[in-house]
Amino acid sequence: MTLSGQNVGVAFTGSFCMHAKVKAAVKEIVAAGANVVPIFSFNTQTINSRFGNAADYMKEITEITGNDPVLTIEDAEPLGPKNLVDIVVIAPCTGNTLAKLANGITDTPVLMAAKGHIRNGKPLVISVSTNDALGMNLKNIGALLNAKNIYFVPFGQDDYAKKPNSMVAYTELILPTLELALEGKQIQPIVRSPF
């Protein structure tokens, strides 16, 4: 299914090394004709890192999408009950967010948006980026892979020699993952060769 005319929630969490790649994916989604609603975790809103300034990143995403960002739990809560988005992608999705999502914790705007969206039976896409995907978070990935209406952007080990438990999504596959998820299909293969 094409993204043209679809309302897409893009939820950002604090895997800052992936923000530039996710920004490129957001540009693709907008170019495909989707209306993008940006949603930022508290950490993404406030932490400046060697990868960039938080306020600058939020400004860039806001300009690309043309929509004001969702910045609070209160603002994220209506996304579900009011059916404001057709699909949500958490990109990047940190190990912390994975763990909370798998255990029903909703203490950030991203998690509240995901919770409200899932209750409508609509697709939630995860673009994983975590140093412990093959460690403590493997059980959470497994739980979410087995959950209804949750789909994954294909991912692989990004540095198996120095960080053997780390895995990140192939962000260039976010758009086709969204298109298939809207049809209720998981893009395959999910786990791919190392980068």
N, C-alpha and C. Protein backbone atom coordinates (compact mmCIF):
# COMPACT_ATOMS: atom_id res chain seq x y z
N MET A 1 0.85 -1.19 0.00
CA MET A 1 0.00 0.00 0.00
C MET A 1 0.89 1.25 0.00
N THR A 2 0.54 2.22 -0.77
CA THR A 2 1.30 3.46 -0.84
C THR A 2 1.07 4.31 0.40
N LEU A 3 2.05 5.14 0.74
CA LEU A 3 1.91 6.04 1.88
C LEU A 3 1.18 7.33 1.53
N SER A 4 0.90 7.54 0.27
CA SER A 4 0.24 8.77 -0.16
C SER A 4 -1.10 8.95 0.55
N GLY A 5 -1.26 10.09 1.20
CA GLY A 5 -2.50 10.38 1.90
C GLY A 5 -2.60 9.77 3.29
N GLN A 6 -1.61 9.01 3.70
CA GLN A 6 -1.63 8.38 5.02
C GLN A 6 -1.08 9.34 6.07
N ASN A 7 -1.60 9.23 7.28
CA ASN A 7 -1.09 9.98 8.42
C ASN A 7 -0.13 9.08 9.18
N VAL A 8 1.14 9.47 9.18
CA VAL A 8 2.20 8.64 9.75
C VAL A 8 2.81 9.32 10.97
N GLY A 9 2.73 8.66 12.11
CA GLY A 9 3.41 9.15 13.30
C GLY A 9 4.84 8.65 13.28
N VAL A 10 5.81 9.55 13.36
CA VAL A 10 7.21 9.15 13.47
C VAL A 10 7.67 9.54 14.86
N ALA A 11 8.00 8.54 15.66
CA ALA A 11 8.35 8.74 17.07
C ALA A 11 9.85 8.55 17.26
N PHE A 12 10.50 9.57 17.78
CA PHE A 12 11.95 9.58 17.92
C PHE A 12 12.36 9.30 19.36
N THR A 13 13.31 8.37 19.55
CA THR A 13 13.89 8.16 20.87
C THR A 13 15.40 8.41 20.78
N GLY A 14 16.08 8.25 21.92
CA GLY A 14 17.43 8.78 22.05
C GLY A 14 18.61 7.98 21.56
N SER A 15 18.48 7.22 20.53
CA SER A 15 19.67 6.62 19.91
C SER A 15 20.21 7.64 18.92
N PHE A 16 20.94 8.61 19.46
CA PHE A 16 21.30 9.81 18.71
C PHE A 16 22.16 9.53 17.48
N CYS A 17 22.93 8.45 17.51
CA CYS A 17 23.78 8.13 16.36
C CYS A 17 22.96 7.81 15.12
N MET A 18 21.69 7.51 15.28
CA MET A 18 20.82 7.15 14.15
C MET A 18 19.96 8.32 13.66
N HIS A 19 20.02 9.45 14.33
CA HIS A 19 19.11 10.54 14.00
C HIS A 19 19.26 11.05 12.58
N ALA A 20 20.48 11.15 12.07
CA ALA A 20 20.66 11.63 10.70
C ALA A 20 20.02 10.68 9.69
N LYS A 21 20.18 9.38 9.91
CA LYS A 21 19.58 8.40 9.01
C LYS A 21 18.06 8.41 9.09
N VAL A 22 17.53 8.60 10.29
CA VAL A 22 16.08 8.65 10.44
C VAL A 22 15.54 9.92 9.78
N LYS A 23 16.26 11.01 9.88
CA LYS A 23 15.84 12.25 9.20
C LYS A 23 15.72 12.03 7.70
N ALA A 24 16.68 11.30 7.13
CA ALA A 24 16.61 10.99 5.70
C ALA A 24 15.36 10.16 5.38
N ALA A 25 15.02 9.22 6.28
CA ALA A 25 13.82 8.40 6.08
C ALA A 25 12.55 9.25 6.16
N VAL A 26 12.54 10.22 7.06
CA VAL A 26 11.39 11.12 7.19
C VAL A 26 11.19 11.90 5.89
N LYS A 27 12.28 12.36 5.29
CA LYS A 27 12.19 13.06 4.01
C LYS A 27 11.57 12.16 2.94
N GLU A 28 11.93 10.88 2.93
CA GLU A 28 11.36 9.93 1.97
C GLU A 28 9.86 9.75 2.20
N ILE A 29 9.47 9.65 3.47
CA ILE A 29 8.06 9.44 3.80
C ILE A 29 7.23 10.66 3.36
N VAL A 30 7.75 11.85 3.62
CA VAL A 30 7.06 13.07 3.19
C VAL A 30 6.99 13.13 1.67
N ALA A 31 8.09 12.78 1.00
CA ALA A 31 8.12 12.80 -0.47
C ALA A 31 7.14 11.79 -1.06
N ALA A 32 6.83 10.74 -0.30
CA ALA A 32 5.87 9.72 -0.76
C ALA A 32 4.42 10.20 -0.63
N GLY A 33 4.23 11.39 -0.06
CA GLY A 33 2.89 11.94 0.04
C GLY A 33 2.19 11.76 1.36
N ALA A 34 2.94 11.32 2.39
CA ALA A 34 2.33 11.12 3.70
C ALA A 34 2.35 12.41 4.51
N ASN A 35 1.39 12.51 5.41
CA ASN A 35 1.37 13.58 6.40
C ASN A 35 2.06 13.03 7.65
N VAL A 36 3.20 13.61 8.01
CA VAL A 36 3.99 13.06 9.11
C VAL A 36 3.79 13.88 10.38
N VAL A 37 3.43 13.18 11.45
CA VAL A 37 3.29 13.78 12.77
C VAL A 37 4.50 13.37 13.60
N PRO A 38 5.42 14.32 13.91
CA PRO A 38 6.60 13.96 14.70
C PRO A 38 6.28 13.89 16.19
N ILE A 39 6.85 12.87 16.85
CA ILE A 39 6.64 12.64 18.28
C ILE A 39 8.03 12.45 18.90
N PHE A 40 8.35 13.23 19.92
CA PHE A 40 9.69 13.17 20.50
C PHE A 40 9.66 12.69 21.95
N SER A 41 10.55 11.75 22.28
CA SER A 41 10.71 11.35 23.67
C SER A 41 11.31 12.51 24.45
N PHE A 42 11.22 12.44 25.78
CA PHE A 42 11.79 13.50 26.60
C PHE A 42 13.30 13.61 26.38
N ASN A 43 14.00 12.48 26.28
CA ASN A 43 15.45 12.53 26.08
C ASN A 43 15.81 13.15 24.74
N THR A 44 15.05 12.85 23.71
CA THR A 44 15.33 13.41 22.39
C THR A 44 15.12 14.93 22.41
N GLN A 45 14.19 15.39 23.24
CA GLN A 45 13.93 16.82 23.34
C GLN A 45 15.01 17.59 24.08
N THR A 46 15.74 16.92 24.98
CA THR A 46 16.59 17.67 25.92
C THR A 46 18.08 17.35 25.87
N ILE A 47 18.46 16.19 25.36
CA ILE A 47 19.87 15.81 25.42
C ILE A 47 20.61 16.23 24.16
N ASN A 48 21.64 17.04 24.36
CA ASN A 48 22.56 17.39 23.29
C ASN A 48 23.70 16.38 23.32
N SER A 49 24.12 15.91 22.16
CA SER A 49 25.17 14.90 22.10
C SER A 49 26.19 15.26 21.04
N ARG A 50 27.19 14.42 20.89
CA ARG A 50 28.19 14.67 19.84
C ARG A 50 27.58 14.56 18.45
N PHE A 51 26.37 14.01 18.38
CA PHE A 51 25.68 13.88 17.09
C PHE A 51 24.82 15.09 16.75
N GLY A 52 24.69 16.03 17.70
CA GLY A 52 23.93 17.23 17.39
C GLY A 52 23.17 17.80 18.57
N ASN A 53 22.60 18.95 18.34
CA ASN A 53 21.83 19.67 19.34
C ASN A 53 20.35 19.27 19.24
N ALA A 54 19.74 18.98 20.38
CA ALA A 54 18.35 18.51 20.41
C ALA A 54 17.39 19.51 19.79
N ALA A 55 17.51 20.77 20.15
CA ALA A 55 16.59 21.79 19.63
C ALA A 55 16.73 21.94 18.12
N ASP A 56 17.96 21.87 17.63
CA ASP A 56 18.18 21.98 16.18
C ASP A 56 17.54 20.81 15.44
N TYR A 57 17.69 19.61 16.00
CA TYR A 57 17.12 18.43 15.35
C TYR A 57 15.59 18.51 15.29
N MET A 58 14.99 18.89 16.40
CA MET A 58 13.53 19.01 16.43
C MET A 58 13.06 20.08 15.45
N LYS A 59 13.80 21.17 15.34
CA LYS A 59 13.43 22.22 14.39
C LYS A 59 13.50 21.70 12.95
N GLU A 60 14.56 20.95 12.63
CA GLU A 60 14.71 20.40 11.28
C GLU A 60 13.56 19.45 10.95
N ILE A 61 13.22 18.57 11.87
CA ILE A 61 12.13 17.61 11.64
C ILE A 61 10.81 18.34 11.49
N THR A 62 10.58 19.35 12.31
CA THR A 62 9.35 20.13 12.22
C THR A 62 9.23 20.81 10.87
N GLU A 63 10.34 21.34 10.37
CA GLU A 63 10.33 22.01 9.06
C GLU A 63 10.09 21.00 7.93
N ILE A 64 10.69 19.82 8.03
CA ILE A 64 10.51 18.80 7.00
C ILE A 64 9.06 18.34 6.94
N THR A 65 8.46 18.13 8.11
CA THR A 65 7.10 17.58 8.16
C THR A 65 6.02 18.65 8.00
N GLY A 66 6.34 19.88 8.41
CA GLY A 66 5.33 20.93 8.37
C GLY A 66 4.32 20.83 9.49
N ASN A 67 4.59 19.97 10.47
CA ASN A 67 3.67 19.78 11.59
C ASN A 67 4.38 20.04 12.92
N ASP A 68 3.65 20.63 13.86
CA ASP A 68 4.20 20.82 15.19
C ASP A 68 4.42 19.45 15.85
N PRO A 69 5.51 19.31 16.61
CA PRO A 69 5.78 18.01 17.23
C PRO A 69 4.93 17.76 18.47
N VAL A 70 4.73 16.48 18.75
CA VAL A 70 4.09 16.04 19.99
C VAL A 70 5.21 15.91 21.02
N LEU A 71 5.11 16.67 22.13
CA LEU A 71 6.21 16.76 23.09
C LEU A 71 5.86 16.30 24.49
N THR A 72 4.58 16.05 24.76
CA THR A 72 4.17 15.66 26.11
C THR A 72 3.30 14.41 26.06
N ILE A 73 3.21 13.76 27.20
CA ILE A 73 2.33 12.59 27.32
C ILE A 73 0.89 13.01 27.08
N GLU A 74 0.52 14.18 27.60
CA GLU A 74 -0.85 14.69 27.43
C GLU A 74 -1.19 14.92 25.96
N ASP A 75 -0.22 15.41 25.20
CA ASP A 75 -0.47 15.64 23.77
C ASP A 75 -0.45 14.35 22.97
N ALA A 76 0.27 13.35 23.45
CA ALA A 76 0.35 12.06 22.75
C ALA A 76 -0.89 11.21 22.98
N GLU A 77 -1.52 11.36 24.12
CA GLU A 77 -2.65 10.49 24.50
C GLU A 77 -3.80 10.51 23.49
N PRO A 78 -4.20 11.67 22.94
CA PRO A 78 -5.34 11.68 22.01
C PRO A 78 -5.07 11.02 20.66
N LEU A 79 -3.81 10.76 20.31
CA LEU A 79 -3.52 10.16 19.00
C LEU A 79 -4.31 8.87 18.79
N GLY A 80 -4.42 8.07 19.84
CA GLY A 80 -5.18 6.82 19.73
C GLY A 80 -6.68 7.02 19.73
N PRO A 81 -7.25 7.58 20.82
CA PRO A 81 -8.70 7.74 20.89
C PRO A 81 -9.31 8.54 19.74
N LYS A 82 -8.58 9.52 19.24
CA LYS A 82 -9.10 10.35 18.14
C LYS A 82 -8.71 9.82 16.77
N ASN A 83 -8.02 8.68 16.74
CA ASN A 83 -7.64 8.04 15.47
C ASN A 83 -6.91 9.01 14.54
N LEU A 84 -5.89 9.67 15.05
CA LEU A 84 -5.23 10.74 14.30
C LEU A 84 -4.14 10.24 13.34
N VAL A 85 -3.68 9.01 13.52
CA VAL A 85 -2.64 8.48 12.64
C VAL A 85 -3.03 7.08 12.15
N ASP A 86 -2.55 6.74 10.96
CA ASP A 86 -2.84 5.42 10.38
C ASP A 86 -1.78 4.39 10.76
N ILE A 87 -0.57 4.87 10.99
CA ILE A 87 0.55 3.99 11.33
C ILE A 87 1.56 4.81 12.12
N VAL A 88 2.28 4.15 13.02
CA VAL A 88 3.33 4.81 13.80
C VAL A 88 4.61 4.01 13.64
N VAL A 89 5.73 4.72 13.48
CA VAL A 89 7.04 4.07 13.47
C VAL A 89 7.87 4.72 14.58
N ILE A 90 8.46 3.89 15.43
CA ILE A 90 9.41 4.37 16.44
C ILE A 90 10.79 4.22 15.83
N ALA A 91 11.42 5.37 15.53
CA ALA A 91 12.69 5.35 14.81
C ALA A 91 13.56 6.52 15.25
N PRO A 92 14.69 6.27 15.83
CA PRO A 92 15.16 4.96 16.26
C PRO A 92 14.44 4.52 17.53
N CYS A 93 14.40 3.23 17.76
CA CYS A 93 13.80 2.68 18.97
C CYS A 93 14.91 2.11 19.85
N THR A 94 15.17 2.78 20.95
CA THR A 94 16.23 2.36 21.86
C THR A 94 15.86 1.08 22.61
N GLY A 95 16.85 0.47 23.23
CA GLY A 95 16.60 -0.69 24.08
C GLY A 95 15.70 -0.35 25.25
N ASN A 96 15.86 0.85 25.80
CA ASN A 96 15.02 1.31 26.89
C ASN A 96 13.56 1.36 26.47
N THR A 97 13.30 1.92 25.29
CA THR A 97 11.93 2.00 24.78
C THR A 97 11.39 0.62 24.45
N LEU A 98 12.23 -0.24 23.86
CA LEU A 98 11.82 -1.63 23.59
C LEU A 98 11.34 -2.32 24.86
N ALA A 99 12.15 -2.20 25.93
CA ALA A 99 11.83 -2.86 27.19
C ALA A 99 10.53 -2.34 27.78
N LYS A 100 10.35 -1.03 27.74
CA LYS A 100 9.13 -0.45 28.29
C LYS A 100 7.92 -0.84 27.46
N LEU A 101 8.06 -0.81 26.14
CA LEU A 101 6.95 -1.19 25.27
C LEU A 101 6.54 -2.63 25.50
N ALA A 102 7.51 -3.52 25.62
CA ALA A 102 7.22 -4.94 25.83
C ALA A 102 6.57 -5.20 27.18
N ASN A 103 6.75 -4.27 28.12
CA ASN A 103 6.21 -4.46 29.46
C ASN A 103 5.10 -3.48 29.81
N GLY A 104 4.54 -2.82 28.81
CA GLY A 104 3.36 -1.99 29.01
C GLY A 104 3.59 -0.70 29.77
N ILE A 105 4.81 -0.17 29.74
CA ILE A 105 5.11 1.08 30.45
C ILE A 105 4.92 2.26 29.48
N THR A 106 4.21 3.30 29.96
CA THR A 106 3.91 4.45 29.09
C THR A 106 4.30 5.74 29.79
N ASP A 107 5.60 5.96 29.94
CA ASP A 107 6.05 7.13 30.68
C ASP A 107 6.77 8.17 29.81
N THR A 108 6.59 8.09 28.50
CA THR A 108 7.12 9.11 27.58
C THR A 108 6.07 9.38 26.51
N PRO A 109 6.17 10.50 25.80
CA PRO A 109 5.23 10.76 24.70
C PRO A 109 5.24 9.65 23.64
N VAL A 110 6.42 9.10 23.36
CA VAL A 110 6.53 8.03 22.36
C VAL A 110 5.75 6.80 22.79
N LEU A 111 5.93 6.40 24.04
CA LEU A 111 5.25 5.19 24.52
C LEU A 111 3.74 5.41 24.65
N MET A 112 3.33 6.59 25.04
CA MET A 112 1.90 6.87 25.11
C MET A 112 1.27 6.85 23.72
N ALA A 113 1.98 7.43 22.75
CA ALA A 113 1.48 7.40 21.37
C ALA A 113 1.36 5.97 20.87
N ALA A 114 2.37 5.15 21.16
CA ALA A 114 2.35 3.75 20.74
C ALA A 114 1.20 2.99 21.39
N LYS A 115 1.02 3.20 22.67
CA LYS A 115 -0.06 2.51 23.40
C LYS A 115 -1.43 2.85 22.82
N GLY A 116 -1.69 4.16 22.65
CA GLY A 116 -2.98 4.58 22.12
C GLY A 116 -3.22 4.06 20.71
N HIS A 117 -2.15 4.00 19.94
CA HIS A 117 -2.25 3.55 18.56
C HIS A 117 -2.51 2.04 18.49
N ILE A 118 -1.80 1.28 19.31
CA ILE A 118 -1.97 -0.19 19.31
C ILE A 118 -3.39 -0.58 19.70
N ARG A 119 -3.97 0.17 20.61
CA ARG A 119 -5.33 -0.21 21.07
C ARG A 119 -6.35 -0.11 19.94
N ASN A 120 -6.03 0.68 18.91
CA ASN A 120 -6.92 0.78 17.75
C ASN A 120 -6.71 -0.35 16.75
N GLY A 121 -5.77 -1.25 17.03
CA GLY A 121 -5.51 -2.36 16.11
C GLY A 121 -4.80 -1.94 14.85
N LYS A 122 -4.10 -0.83 14.92
CA LYS A 122 -3.37 -0.34 13.76
C LYS A 122 -1.89 -0.69 13.88
N PRO A 123 -1.15 -0.66 12.76
CA PRO A 123 0.24 -1.12 12.78
C PRO A 123 1.20 -0.16 13.47
N LEU A 124 2.08 -0.77 14.28
CA LEU A 124 3.19 -0.07 14.93
C LEU A 124 4.47 -0.68 14.39
N VAL A 125 5.36 0.15 13.88
CA VAL A 125 6.62 -0.32 13.30
C VAL A 125 7.77 0.10 14.21
N ILE A 126 8.70 -0.82 14.41
CA ILE A 126 9.86 -0.57 15.26
C ILE A 126 11.12 -0.59 14.42
N SER A 127 11.90 0.48 14.54
CA SER A 127 13.20 0.58 13.88
C SER A 127 14.26 0.54 14.98
N VAL A 128 14.67 -0.65 15.32
CA VAL A 128 15.50 -0.90 16.51
C VAL A 128 16.90 -0.31 16.38
N SER A 129 17.42 0.16 17.51
CA SER A 129 18.81 0.62 17.61
C SER A 129 19.23 0.48 19.07
N THR A 130 19.90 -0.63 19.37
CA THR A 130 20.28 -0.87 20.76
C THR A 130 21.56 -1.69 20.85
N ASN A 131 22.38 -1.34 21.83
CA ASN A 131 23.63 -2.05 22.06
C ASN A 131 23.42 -3.41 22.72
N ASP A 132 22.21 -3.68 23.19
CA ASP A 132 21.98 -4.98 23.86
C ASP A 132 20.86 -5.79 23.22
N ALA A 133 20.73 -5.68 21.90
CA ALA A 133 19.70 -6.44 21.18
C ALA A 133 19.90 -7.94 21.34
N LEU A 134 21.14 -8.39 21.40
CA LEU A 134 21.43 -9.82 21.57
C LEU A 134 21.80 -10.13 23.01
N GLY A 135 21.50 -9.20 23.92
CA GLY A 135 21.73 -9.37 25.35
C GLY A 135 20.41 -9.32 26.08
N MET A 136 20.33 -8.41 27.05
CA MET A 136 19.13 -8.31 27.89
C MET A 136 17.87 -7.97 27.11
N ASN A 137 18.00 -7.29 25.99
CA ASN A 137 16.81 -6.88 25.24
C ASN A 137 16.32 -7.93 24.24
N LEU A 138 17.04 -9.02 24.10
CA LEU A 138 16.60 -10.05 23.16
C LEU A 138 15.22 -10.58 23.52
N LYS A 139 14.96 -10.75 24.82
CA LYS A 139 13.64 -11.25 25.22
C LYS A 139 12.53 -10.26 24.87
N ASN A 140 12.84 -8.96 24.94
CA ASN A 140 11.84 -7.94 24.60
C ASN A 140 11.59 -7.90 23.10
N ILE A 141 12.65 -8.03 22.31
CA ILE A 141 12.48 -8.11 20.86
C ILE A 141 11.62 -9.32 20.51
N GLY A 142 11.92 -10.45 21.15
CA GLY A 142 11.13 -11.67 20.91
C GLY A 142 9.67 -11.48 21.25
N ALA A 143 9.39 -10.84 22.38
CA ALA A 143 8.00 -10.60 22.79
C ALA A 143 7.28 -9.71 21.77
N LEU A 144 7.97 -8.68 21.29
CA LEU A 144 7.34 -7.75 20.35
C LEU A 144 7.20 -8.35 18.96
N LEU A 145 8.15 -9.21 18.56
CA LEU A 145 8.01 -9.91 17.28
C LEU A 145 6.77 -10.79 17.26
N ASN A 146 6.37 -11.26 18.42
CA ASN A 146 5.24 -12.17 18.54
C ASN A 146 3.92 -11.45 18.82
N ALA A 147 3.97 -10.12 18.91
CA ALA A 147 2.77 -9.34 19.25
C ALA A 147 2.01 -8.95 17.99
N LYS A 148 0.70 -8.93 18.12
CA LYS A 148 -0.17 -8.56 17.00
C LYS A 148 0.01 -7.09 16.63
N ASN A 149 0.04 -6.81 15.34
CA ASN A 149 0.10 -5.46 14.78
C ASN A 149 1.41 -4.73 15.04
N ILE A 150 2.46 -5.46 15.43
CA ILE A 150 3.78 -4.86 15.58
C ILE A 150 4.70 -5.44 14.53
N TYR A 151 5.40 -4.55 13.82
CA TYR A 151 6.27 -4.92 12.71
C TYR A 151 7.66 -4.33 12.93
N PHE A 152 8.67 -4.97 12.36
CA PHE A 152 10.04 -4.49 12.52
C PHE A 152 10.65 -4.10 11.19
N VAL A 153 11.36 -2.97 11.20
CA VAL A 153 12.24 -2.64 10.10
C VAL A 153 13.38 -3.66 10.17
N PRO A 154 13.79 -4.28 9.07
CA PRO A 154 14.89 -5.25 9.14
C PRO A 154 16.13 -4.67 9.83
N PHE A 155 16.80 -5.52 10.60
CA PHE A 155 17.95 -5.05 11.37
C PHE A 155 19.06 -6.10 11.37
N GLY A 156 20.26 -5.65 11.74
CA GLY A 156 21.41 -6.54 11.78
C GLY A 156 22.47 -6.00 12.73
N GLN A 157 23.49 -6.80 12.97
CA GLN A 157 24.60 -6.38 13.82
C GLN A 157 25.40 -5.28 13.11
N ASP A 158 25.62 -4.17 13.82
CA ASP A 158 26.33 -3.06 13.20
C ASP A 158 27.83 -3.09 13.43
N ASP A 159 28.28 -3.80 14.47
CA ASP A 159 29.72 -3.93 14.73
C ASP A 159 29.94 -5.19 15.56
N TYR A 160 29.86 -6.35 14.90
CA TYR A 160 29.90 -7.62 15.62
C TYR A 160 31.24 -7.89 16.30
N ALA A 161 32.31 -7.23 15.85
CA ALA A 161 33.62 -7.44 16.47
C ALA A 161 33.76 -6.68 17.78
N LYS A 162 33.39 -5.40 17.77
CA LYS A 162 33.56 -4.56 18.96
C LYS A 162 32.32 -4.52 19.85
N LYS A 163 31.13 -4.68 19.24
CA LYS A 163 29.87 -4.63 20.01
C LYS A 163 28.99 -5.81 19.57
N PRO A 164 29.33 -7.02 19.99
CA PRO A 164 28.64 -8.21 19.47
C PRO A 164 27.14 -8.30 19.79
N ASN A 165 26.67 -7.57 20.79
CA ASN A 165 25.25 -7.61 21.12
C ASN A 165 24.44 -6.50 20.45
N SER A 166 25.12 -5.59 19.76
CA SER A 166 24.47 -4.42 19.19
C SER A 166 23.83 -4.71 17.84
N MET A 167 22.60 -4.20 17.65
CA MET A 167 21.92 -4.31 16.37
C MET A 167 21.19 -3.01 16.07
N VAL A 168 21.18 -2.65 14.79
CA VAL A 168 20.45 -1.46 14.35
C VAL A 168 19.66 -1.78 13.09
N ALA A 169 18.61 -1.01 12.88
CA ALA A 169 17.76 -1.20 11.71
C ALA A 169 18.39 -0.61 10.47
N TYR A 170 18.02 -1.16 9.34
CA TYR A 170 18.38 -0.61 8.04
C TYR A 170 17.36 0.47 7.74
N THR A 171 17.68 1.70 8.12
CA THR A 171 16.71 2.79 8.04
C THR A 171 16.25 3.08 6.61
N GLU A 172 17.05 2.70 5.63
CA GLU A 172 16.62 2.90 4.24
C GLU A 172 15.43 2.00 3.89
N LEU A 173 15.09 1.06 4.79
CA LEU A 173 13.95 0.18 4.57
C LEU A 173 12.73 0.58 5.39
N ILE A 174 12.79 1.74 6.04
CA ILE A 174 11.63 2.19 6.81
C ILE A 174 10.41 2.36 5.90
N LEU A 175 10.57 3.04 4.78
CA LEU A 175 9.42 3.30 3.90
C LEU A 175 8.77 2.01 3.40
N PRO A 176 9.52 1.06 2.82
CA PRO A 176 8.85 -0.17 2.39
C PRO A 176 8.28 -1.00 3.54
N THR A 177 8.89 -0.89 4.72
CA THR A 177 8.34 -1.59 5.88
C THR A 177 6.98 -1.01 6.24
N LEU A 178 6.87 0.31 6.21
CA LEU A 178 5.59 0.96 6.50
C LEU A 178 4.53 0.57 5.48
N GLU A 179 4.90 0.56 4.22
CA GLU A 179 3.94 0.22 3.16
C GLU A 179 3.38 -1.18 3.35
N LEU A 180 4.24 -2.14 3.66
CA LEU A 180 3.77 -3.51 3.86
C LEU A 180 2.99 -3.65 5.17
N ALA A 181 3.44 -2.95 6.22
CA ALA A 181 2.73 -3.03 7.50
C ALA A 181 1.29 -2.53 7.37
N LEU A 182 1.07 -1.54 6.53
CA LEU A 182 -0.30 -1.07 6.30
C LEU A 182 -1.18 -2.15 5.66
N GLU A 183 -0.54 -3.14 5.04
CA GLU A 183 -1.27 -4.28 4.47
C GLU A 183 -1.29 -5.46 5.43
N GLY A 184 -0.75 -5.27 6.63
CA GLY A 184 -0.70 -6.36 7.61
C GLY A 184 0.40 -7.36 7.34
N LYS A 185 1.45 -6.95 6.64
CA LYS A 185 2.54 -7.86 6.29
C LYS A 185 3.86 -7.38 6.87
N GLN A 186 4.68 -8.33 7.30
CA GLN A 186 6.02 -8.05 7.79
C GLN A 186 7.02 -8.19 6.65
N ILE A 187 7.79 -7.14 6.39
CA ILE A 187 8.83 -7.21 5.37
C ILE A 187 9.85 -8.29 5.78
N GLN A 188 10.35 -9.00 4.81
CA GLN A 188 11.29 -10.11 5.07
C GLN A 188 12.55 -9.96 4.23
N PRO A 189 13.66 -10.53 4.65
CA PRO A 189 13.88 -11.10 5.98
C PRO A 189 14.03 -10.00 7.04
N ILE A 190 13.68 -10.33 8.27
CA ILE A 190 13.74 -9.35 9.36
C ILE A 190 15.19 -9.15 9.81
N VAL A 191 15.89 -10.25 10.05
CA VAL A 191 17.28 -10.16 10.48
C VAL A 191 18.16 -10.39 9.25
N ARG A 192 19.06 -9.44 9.02
CA ARG A 192 19.89 -9.48 7.82
C ARG A 192 21.36 -9.51 8.18
N SER A 193 22.19 -9.74 7.17
CA SER A 193 23.62 -9.83 7.39
C SER A 193 24.17 -8.58 8.06
N PRO A 194 25.30 -8.70 8.77
CA PRO A 194 25.88 -7.53 9.42
C PRO A 194 26.19 -6.42 8.42
N PHE A 195 26.21 -5.21 8.90
CA PHE A 195 26.49 -4.03 8.08
C PHE A 195 27.90 -4.11 7.50
